[in-house]
Amino acid sequence: MQPASPWIFSEDLAHFGTIRSYMWYGQIGLQILLFAMIRAIVRRLLSQLGGEPATVIEIVRRIAKGDLSSAVATRSGDETSLLAATKSMQEGLEEDHPTVETKDKAEIRNLIDWVLSL
């Protein structure tokens, strides 16, 4: 068996350097792609909720406790988000049940559960 000549190793090292560069470029490209995908997913979820999740949860909890006096702010033209549906439910409850404290709170909780399941 013949010993490997030193010039073969230098060629291999040059190829390793090229491969390493391609791996870095691929990694950077993959990170950019993943960032864009995550951003799109977060934007879609926030548009479906109509706002920050903590805000939506707080509003739903207040309504569940019977507090219909607080205003629910939605974006202009928003009619399909969970927050818009919550606002619509709150307005409907205010019209149908002006004194929620005297009404059956279980019915209100069922309505809220139904809206959240949409």
Protein backbone atom coordinates (compact mmCIF):
# COMPACT_ATOMS: atom_id res chain seq x y z
CA MET A 1 0.00 0.00 0.00
CA GLN A 2 1.33 3.36 -0.97
CA PRO A 3 1.30 6.27 1.43
CA ALA A 4 -1.05 9.08 0.47
CA SER A 5 0.63 12.04 -1.05
CA PRO A 6 0.34 15.39 0.74
CA TRP A 7 -1.35 17.13 -2.20
CA ILE A 8 -4.42 14.85 -1.85
CA PHE A 9 -4.94 16.13 1.69
CA SER A 10 -4.70 19.75 0.60
CA GLU A 11 -7.40 19.14 -2.05
CA ASP A 12 -9.60 17.47 0.52
CA LEU A 13 -9.13 20.36 2.91
CA ALA A 14 -10.14 22.79 0.18
CA HIS A 15 -13.32 20.75 -0.44
CA PHE A 16 -14.08 20.70 3.28
CA GLY A 17 -13.81 24.47 3.36
CA THR A 18 -16.21 24.76 0.43
CA ILE A 19 -18.67 22.34 2.01
CA ARG A 20 -18.47 24.20 5.30
CA SER A 21 -19.26 27.48 3.51
CA TYR A 22 -22.29 25.90 1.80
CA MET A 23 -23.47 24.58 5.15
CA TRP A 24 -23.29 28.07 6.67
CA TYR A 25 -25.19 29.56 3.74
CA GLY A 26 -27.80 26.83 4.01
CA GLN A 27 -28.14 27.40 7.74
CA ILE A 28 -28.62 31.14 7.27
CA GLY A 29 -31.18 30.54 4.51
CA LEU A 30 -33.05 28.04 6.66
CA GLN A 31 -33.15 30.45 9.60
CA ILE A 32 -34.55 33.22 7.39
CA LEU A 33 -37.19 30.85 6.01
CA LEU A 34 -38.20 29.65 9.49
CA PHE A 35 -38.37 33.22 10.78
CA ALA A 36 -40.71 34.18 7.94
CA MET A 37 -42.92 31.13 8.54
CA ILE A 38 -43.16 31.76 12.30
CA ARG A 39 -43.95 35.42 11.67
CA ALA A 40 -46.77 34.47 9.28
CA ILE A 41 -48.21 31.99 11.78
CA VAL A 42 -48.14 34.51 14.64
CA ARG A 43 -49.75 37.22 12.49
CA ARG A 44 -52.52 34.84 11.44
CA LEU A 45 -53.20 33.75 15.02
CA LEU A 46 -53.32 37.34 16.25
CA SER A 47 -55.71 38.29 13.47
CA GLN A 48 -57.96 35.36 14.38
CA LEU A 49 -57.94 36.39 18.03
CA GLY A 50 -58.34 40.08 17.27
CA GLY A 51 -55.67 41.13 19.74
CA GLU A 52 -53.18 39.89 22.26
CA PRO A 53 -54.22 36.58 23.86
CA ALA A 54 -53.98 37.99 27.39
CA THR A 55 -56.33 40.84 26.47
CA VAL A 56 -58.89 38.51 24.92
CA ILE A 57 -58.75 36.18 27.93
CA GLU A 58 -59.25 39.08 30.36
CA ILE A 59 -62.28 40.39 28.45
CA VAL A 60 -63.87 36.92 28.29
CA ARG A 61 -63.29 36.43 32.02
CA ARG A 62 -64.96 39.76 32.82
CA ILE A 63 -67.98 38.85 30.72
CA ALA A 64 -68.11 35.41 32.34
CA LYS A 65 -68.30 37.11 35.73
CA GLY A 66 -71.23 39.20 34.49
CA ASP A 67 -69.40 42.49 33.87
CA LEU A 68 -70.88 43.83 30.62
CA SER A 69 -70.00 47.46 31.30
CA SER A 70 -66.43 47.40 30.02
CA ALA A 71 -65.85 48.37 26.39
CA VAL A 72 -64.39 45.83 23.97
CA ALA A 73 -62.18 47.62 21.45
CA THR A 74 -61.69 45.95 18.06
CA ARG A 75 -59.86 47.02 14.92
CA SER A 76 -61.94 48.91 12.39
CA GLY A 77 -63.62 46.51 9.97
CA ASP A 78 -62.92 43.49 12.16
CA GLU A 79 -65.98 41.25 12.10
CA THR A 80 -64.46 37.76 12.08
CA SER A 81 -62.03 37.60 14.99
CA LEU A 82 -62.71 36.08 18.39
CA LEU A 83 -62.57 39.53 19.96
CA ALA A 84 -65.19 40.83 17.50
CA ALA A 85 -67.42 37.84 18.28
CA THR A 86 -66.96 38.53 22.00
CA LYS A 87 -67.90 42.17 21.49
CA SER A 88 -71.00 41.12 19.53
CA MET A 89 -71.94 38.68 22.28
CA GLN A 90 -71.47 41.35 24.95
CA GLU A 91 -73.66 43.81 23.04
CA GLY A 92 -76.32 41.14 22.57
CA LEU A 93 -76.26 40.27 26.23
CA GLU A 94 -76.57 43.94 27.19
CA GLU A 95 -79.63 44.29 24.98
CA ASP A 96 -81.29 41.04 26.04
CA HIS A 97 -80.23 41.06 29.67
CA PRO A 98 -79.88 44.58 31.03
CA THR A 99 -79.36 43.29 34.55
CA VAL A 100 -77.10 40.31 34.20
CA GLU A 101 -76.64 40.00 37.94
CA THR A 102 -80.23 38.76 38.28
CA LYS A 103 -80.03 36.35 35.31
CA ASP A 104 -78.74 32.83 35.22
CA LYS A 105 -74.93 33.08 35.04
CA ALA A 106 -74.67 29.49 33.82
CA GLU A 107 -76.43 30.55 30.61
CA ILE A 108 -73.89 33.31 30.08
CA ARG A 109 -71.00 30.93 30.66
CA ASN A 110 -72.51 28.52 28.10
CA LEU A 111 -72.69 31.36 25.57
CA ILE A 112 -69.06 32.25 26.22
CA ASP A 113 -67.98 28.63 25.84
CA TRP A 114 -69.87 28.48 22.56
CA VAL A 115 -68.14 31.64 21.26
CA LEU A 116 -64.73 30.32 22.31
CA SER A 117 -65.38 27.06 20.47
CA LEU A 118 -65.88 28.87 17.13
